[in-house]
Protein backbone atom coordinates (compact mmCIF):
# COMPACT_ATOMS: atom_id res chain seq x y z
CA MET A 1 -69.20 7.07 44.20
CA LYS A 2 -69.22 10.82 45.41
CA ASN A 3 -68.17 12.34 42.07
CA LEU A 4 -69.58 9.54 39.55
CA ILE A 5 -70.92 11.20 36.45
CA SER A 6 -73.73 9.57 35.00
CA ILE A 7 -74.23 9.63 31.16
CA ILE A 8 -77.93 9.71 30.21
CA ILE A 9 -78.65 8.81 26.60
CA LEU A 10 -82.22 8.89 24.98
CA ASN A 11 -83.01 6.31 22.03
CA TRP A 12 -86.09 6.14 19.79
CA ASN A 13 -85.86 4.07 16.83
CA GLY A 14 -82.13 5.33 16.19
CA LYS A 15 -80.07 1.96 17.37
CA LYS A 16 -77.55 2.78 14.76
CA ILE A 17 -77.18 6.26 15.62
CA THR A 18 -77.11 5.53 19.23
CA GLU A 19 -74.38 2.85 18.63
CA GLU A 20 -72.21 5.30 16.78
CA CYS A 21 -72.62 7.45 20.08
CA ILE A 22 -71.78 5.01 22.53
CA ASN A 23 -68.72 3.79 20.34
CA SER A 24 -67.19 7.25 20.55
CA LEU A 25 -67.74 7.38 24.18
CA MET A 26 -66.28 3.69 25.31
CA PRO A 27 -62.56 4.16 24.85
CA GLN A 28 -63.20 6.95 27.25
CA ILE A 29 -65.18 5.26 30.02
CA ASN A 30 -63.72 4.56 33.45
CA LYS A 31 -64.53 4.24 37.14
CA ASN A 32 -65.93 7.48 36.94
CA PHE A 33 -68.60 7.40 34.68
CA GLU A 34 -71.63 5.24 33.88
CA ILE A 35 -73.66 4.97 30.49
CA ILE A 36 -77.42 5.03 31.23
CA VAL A 37 -79.46 4.09 27.88
CA VAL A 38 -83.22 5.17 28.00
CA ASP A 39 -84.97 3.51 25.26
CA ASN A 40 -88.33 5.61 24.27
CA GLY A 41 -90.68 2.62 23.25
CA SER A 42 -88.71 2.05 20.14
CA THR A 43 -90.30 -0.35 17.23
CA ASP A 44 -86.87 -1.22 15.69
CA GLY A 45 -85.49 -3.67 18.10
CA SER A 46 -83.03 -1.14 19.54
CA LEU A 47 -83.25 -2.41 23.41
CA LYS A 48 -81.93 -5.79 22.19
CA TYR A 49 -79.53 -4.80 19.64
CA LEU A 50 -78.13 -2.12 22.23
CA GLY A 51 -78.02 -4.79 24.77
CA LYS A 52 -75.88 -7.36 22.96
CA LYS A 53 -73.56 -4.66 21.55
CA PHE A 54 -72.98 -3.13 25.15
CA PRO A 55 -73.71 -5.65 27.89
CA ASN A 56 -72.10 -3.30 30.30
CA ILE A 57 -74.39 -0.12 29.92
CA LYS A 58 -77.74 0.05 32.06
CA LEU A 59 -80.57 -0.18 29.65
CA ILE A 60 -84.20 1.24 30.67
CA GLN A 61 -87.32 0.33 28.52
CA ASN A 62 -90.25 3.10 28.29
CA LYS A 63 -93.43 1.44 27.13
CA GLU A 64 -93.96 4.18 25.10
CA ASN A 65 -92.09 7.42 23.56
CA LEU A 66 -92.17 10.16 26.54
CA GLY A 67 -90.21 12.51 24.68
CA TYR A 68 -86.87 14.17 25.69
CA SER A 69 -88.22 15.48 28.75
CA GLU A 70 -89.55 12.67 30.75
CA GLY A 71 -87.39 10.27 28.91
CA ASN A 72 -84.30 12.06 30.51
CA ASN A 73 -86.09 12.44 33.87
CA ILE A 74 -86.45 8.84 34.28
CA GLY A 75 -82.82 8.51 33.27
CA VAL A 76 -81.82 10.83 36.29
CA LYS A 77 -84.10 8.78 38.66
CA ASN A 78 -82.39 5.77 37.74
CA SER A 79 -78.82 7.33 38.09
CA LYS A 80 -75.89 7.09 41.18
CA GLY A 81 -73.78 9.93 39.79
CA LYS A 82 -73.63 13.43 41.61
CA PHE A 83 -73.12 14.57 38.20
CA ILE A 84 -75.65 14.21 35.33
CA LEU A 85 -74.46 14.17 31.73
CA ILE A 86 -77.35 14.58 29.66
CA LEU A 87 -75.95 13.55 25.80
CA ASN A 88 -78.33 13.16 22.45
CA ASN A 89 -77.72 10.05 20.99
CA ASP A 90 -77.36 11.93 17.63
CA VAL A 91 -73.82 12.88 18.51
CA ILE A 92 -70.26 11.55 18.32
CA VAL A 93 -67.91 13.14 20.77
CA ASP A 94 -64.22 13.73 20.56
CA LYS A 95 -61.42 11.51 22.04
CA ASN A 96 -60.85 13.96 24.96
CA PHE A 97 -64.50 14.74 25.46
CA LEU A 98 -64.61 13.03 28.88
CA LYS A 99 -61.25 13.93 30.20
CA GLU A 100 -62.59 17.54 29.56
CA ILE A 101 -65.93 17.05 31.21
CA TRP A 102 -64.26 15.39 34.54
CA LYS A 103 -61.35 17.73 34.66
CA ASN A 104 -64.37 20.67 34.41
CA LYS A 105 -67.02 19.49 36.53
CA ASN A 106 -66.95 21.69 39.41
CA LYS A 107 -66.83 25.03 36.75
CA ALA A 108 -70.66 25.78 37.31
CA ASN A 109 -73.62 24.12 38.34
CA ILE A 110 -74.78 23.64 34.66
CA LEU A 111 -71.97 23.21 31.64
CA GLY A 112 -72.20 23.09 27.88
CA VAL A 113 -69.80 21.90 25.12
CA LYS A 114 -69.03 23.04 21.76
CA ASN A 115 -71.09 21.38 19.06
CA TYR A 116 -70.11 21.23 15.49
CA TYR A 117 -72.30 19.94 12.67
CA TYR A 118 -71.71 16.31 12.13
CA ASN A 119 -70.65 16.75 8.19
CA HIS A 120 -68.58 20.07 8.45
CA LYS A 121 -66.21 19.38 11.01
CA ASN A 122 -65.07 22.92 12.09
CA ILE A 123 -68.20 24.67 11.42
CA LEU A 124 -70.40 25.20 14.80
CA TRP A 125 -73.77 24.36 15.40
CA SER A 126 -73.81 25.71 18.81
CA VAL A 127 -71.27 27.15 21.71
CA GLY A 128 -74.83 27.88 23.97
CA SER A 129 -77.88 29.80 23.78
CA LYS A 130 -79.72 33.08 24.51
CA VAL A 131 -83.31 33.85 25.34
CA ASN A 132 -84.66 37.52 24.07
CA LYS A 133 -85.99 39.12 26.80
CA PHE A 134 -88.71 40.79 24.84
CA THR A 135 -89.78 38.19 22.41
CA MET A 136 -88.60 34.91 24.65
CA LYS A 137 -87.28 33.28 21.66
CA ALA A 138 -84.31 31.16 22.44
CA SER A 139 -81.57 31.11 19.75
CA LEU A 140 -78.25 29.60 19.07
CA ILE A 141 -74.86 31.49 19.77
CA GLY A 142 -72.20 30.84 17.26
CA ASN A 143 -74.58 28.90 14.92
CA ARG A 144 -72.73 28.30 11.09
CA GLU A 145 -69.68 30.21 12.16
CA LYS A 146 -66.41 28.79 11.45
CA ASP A 147 -64.37 27.93 14.71
CA ILE A 148 -61.48 30.11 14.93
CA GLY A 149 -61.68 29.90 18.74
CA TYR A 150 -63.62 33.34 19.07
CA TYR A 151 -65.91 32.32 22.07
CA ASP A 152 -62.65 30.05 23.78
CA HIS A 153 -61.81 32.83 26.11
CA ASN A 154 -63.83 35.37 27.95
CA PHE A 155 -67.26 34.02 26.96
CA THR A 156 -69.96 32.54 29.20
CA PRO A 157 -73.09 31.18 27.60
CA PRO A 158 -76.33 32.23 29.09
CA GLN A 159 -77.83 28.84 28.65
CA ILE A 160 -76.73 25.75 27.61
CA THR A 161 -78.06 23.83 24.44
CA GLY A 162 -79.67 20.31 25.06
CA SER A 163 -77.64 18.45 23.23
CA ALA A 164 -75.10 17.97 25.99
CA MET A 165 -75.55 19.30 29.49
CA LEU A 166 -73.46 18.57 32.80
CA ILE A 167 -75.68 19.09 35.49
CA ASP A 168 -74.69 18.91 39.31
CA LYS A 169 -77.45 16.77 40.51
CA LYS A 170 -78.40 19.23 43.36
CA VAL A 171 -79.48 21.42 41.12
CA ILE A 172 -82.19 18.84 39.64
CA GLU A 173 -83.07 17.79 43.42
CA ASN A 174 -83.76 21.59 44.16
CA ILE A 175 -85.90 23.01 41.58
CA GLY A 176 -87.20 19.94 39.76
CA PHE A 177 -86.92 17.72 36.45
CA LEU A 178 -87.63 18.73 33.03
CA ASP A 179 -90.99 19.80 32.49
CA LYS A 180 -92.74 16.66 30.86
CA THR A 181 -95.71 18.45 29.32
CA TYR A 182 -93.23 20.27 27.00
CA PHE A 183 -92.46 16.59 25.30
CA CYS A 184 -89.76 18.00 23.10
CA TYR A 185 -88.59 21.90 22.25
CA TYR A 186 -88.06 24.35 24.89
CA GLU A 187 -88.10 22.12 27.88
CA GLU A 188 -84.40 22.59 28.60
CA THR A 189 -84.88 26.63 28.11
CA GLU A 190 -87.66 26.64 30.52
CA TRP A 191 -85.49 24.16 33.10
CA GLN A 192 -82.54 26.68 32.73
CA THR A 193 -84.87 29.80 33.35
CA ARG A 194 -86.15 27.83 36.64
CA ALA A 195 -82.12 27.34 37.44
CA LYS A 196 -81.06 30.86 36.93
CA ASN A 197 -83.71 32.34 38.88
CA ALA A 198 -82.95 30.09 41.76
CA GLY A 199 -79.14 31.53 41.52
CA TYR A 200 -77.33 28.65 39.83
CA THR A 201 -74.56 29.25 37.20
CA THR A 202 -73.81 28.31 33.70
CA SER A 203 -70.88 28.08 31.89
CA TRP A 204 -68.96 25.66 29.15
CA ILE A 205 -66.18 23.68 28.55
CA PRO A 206 -64.62 24.80 25.14
CA LYS A 207 -62.39 21.70 24.91
CA ALA A 208 -65.26 19.30 25.16
CA LYS A 209 -66.10 18.83 21.53
CA LEU A 210 -69.04 16.79 19.95
CA TRP A 211 -70.40 16.54 16.36
CA HIS A 212 -74.12 16.83 15.94
CA ARG A 213 -76.65 15.10 13.48
CA VAL A 214 -79.01 18.32 13.97
CA GLY A 215 -82.84 17.10 14.94
CA PHE A 216 -82.53 13.64 13.94
CA SER A 217 -85.64 12.52 16.18
CA THR A 218 -87.77 14.96 14.71
CA GLY A 219 -86.51 14.85 11.14
CA GLY A 220 -84.27 17.96 11.58
CA GLY A 221 -84.36 21.43 10.05
CA ARG A 222 -87.99 22.79 8.96
CA THR A 223 -90.17 19.84 9.46
CA PRO A 224 -94.00 19.96 10.26
CA LEU A 225 -93.46 18.05 13.40
CA SER A 226 -90.74 20.45 14.60
CA ALA A 227 -92.83 23.47 13.61
CA TYR A 228 -95.69 22.27 15.91
CA TYR A 229 -93.72 21.68 19.15
CA LEU A 230 -91.56 24.95 18.62
CA VAL A 231 -94.76 27.08 18.27
CA ARG A 232 -96.98 25.50 20.68
CA ASN A 233 -94.10 25.27 23.41
CA ARG A 234 -92.88 28.88 23.13
CA GLY A 235 -96.16 29.94 24.22
CA TYR A 236 -96.23 28.03 27.09
CA PHE A 237 -92.80 29.27 28.06
CA ILE A 238 -94.17 32.98 27.20
CA LYS A 239 -96.90 32.46 29.56
CA LYS A 240 -94.81 31.36 32.27
CA TRP A 241 -91.85 33.38 32.08
CA ALA A 242 -92.10 36.32 30.12
CA LYS A 243 -92.19 40.02 31.65
CA PHE A 244 -93.29 41.64 28.56
CA LYS A 245 -96.27 39.48 27.37
CA ILE A 246 -97.67 41.73 24.97
CA ILE A 247 -94.72 42.01 23.09
CA ALA A 248 -93.75 38.37 23.22
CA TYR A 249 -97.10 37.20 21.98
CA ALA A 250 -97.23 39.61 19.54
CA TYR A 251 -93.74 38.49 18.12
CA TRP A 252 -95.12 35.13 18.44
CA PHE A 253 -98.38 35.60 16.39
CA PHE A 254 -96.21 37.29 13.72
CA GLU A 255 -93.89 34.28 13.80
CA VAL A 256 -96.48 31.72 13.36
CA PHE A 257 -97.97 33.42 10.66
CA MET A 258 -94.64 33.83 8.90
CA ARG A 259 -94.04 30.13 9.20
CA ILE A 260 -97.58 29.54 7.70
CA PHE A 261 -96.72 31.68 4.90
CA TYR A 262 -93.44 29.79 4.01
CA GLY A 263 -95.24 26.33 4.51
CA LEU A 264 -97.81 27.66 1.96
CA LEU A 265 -94.91 28.04 -0.56
CA LYS A 266 -92.74 25.28 0.49
CA ASN A 267 -94.71 22.57 2.41
CA LYS A 268 -98.55 22.53 3.35
CA LYS A 269 -98.19 20.22 6.10
CA TYR A 270 -95.78 22.69 7.80
CA SER A 271 -98.30 25.34 7.57
CA LYS A 272 -100.88 23.30 9.25
CA MET A 273 -98.59 21.93 11.85
CA SER A 274 -97.58 25.51 12.70
CA TRP A 275 -101.26 26.62 13.21
CA LYS A 276 -102.26 23.57 14.96
CA GLY A 277 -99.14 24.35 17.26
CA MET A 278 -100.94 27.70 17.89
CA THR A 279 -104.48 26.52 18.37
CA ASP A 280 -103.24 23.67 20.59
CA PHE A 281 -101.48 26.24 22.75
CA PHE A 282 -105.00 28.07 23.22
CA LYS A 283 -106.48 24.72 23.93
CA GLY A 284 -104.25 23.92 26.71
CA LYS A 285 -103.21 20.73 25.03
CA LYS A 286 -99.61 19.24 26.37
CA GLY A 287 -97.38 16.56 25.90
CA GLU A 288 -97.10 14.60 22.81
CA LEU A 289 -99.13 15.10 19.76
CA LYS A 290 -101.34 12.58 19.55
């Protein structure tokens, strides 16, 4: 179908979380949408469980955990839609979410939505993100703010957060897929930087709302695993895109050592993984941490 929207949901050992996400979508699903669940080598019986619960969705099984990047890439390759909605499995969506997505699908080439914290119904997690041109650090916009409608008008996010991205498939066809070597973190930032440099536009749909269990797949917050990927992948992002590399790397070094210092006080494994993220970058290691 010409205007079909393919919803791609990535699952890794999160069958109950994914079920909740799909349940929030199902009352809104019609002929204009297809749901594709890509299972990233789960060992909790996710594929059988979700197949039984939702017999009409498309299920794709990867033999191993390929990460956010390649997992979603596989979903895109198996999609029929003109538009792609990459949606985290750790979200639930508003009852009018897909109605707003459909109505605004042609607003820009890449579109975001309004993200709230799962357990704080009116506290924003993100309305988008931005990248500091000197440090190349990506940061959330609106994070931890009470939603009073401040961003609803005359606001365009520089980038979209990866929890929900509506993408015109022609963008992917022209600039390529998410970089699978990132595995997780900074992959959507790097991809959108490519898109922006190719002249594609971003915007958002403030009436499309979701609630996000932040960081479900990596444990959320300041975990050792998230520290590793954030440190390592930011190094690669700087290497590829920074215009002020000396400044960007200087700030990166400073931040790495601040993470290490924090870890020594709170969690020694966090320190170790922050250090490993930095050293693995210098060794040229990419993909999943083995």
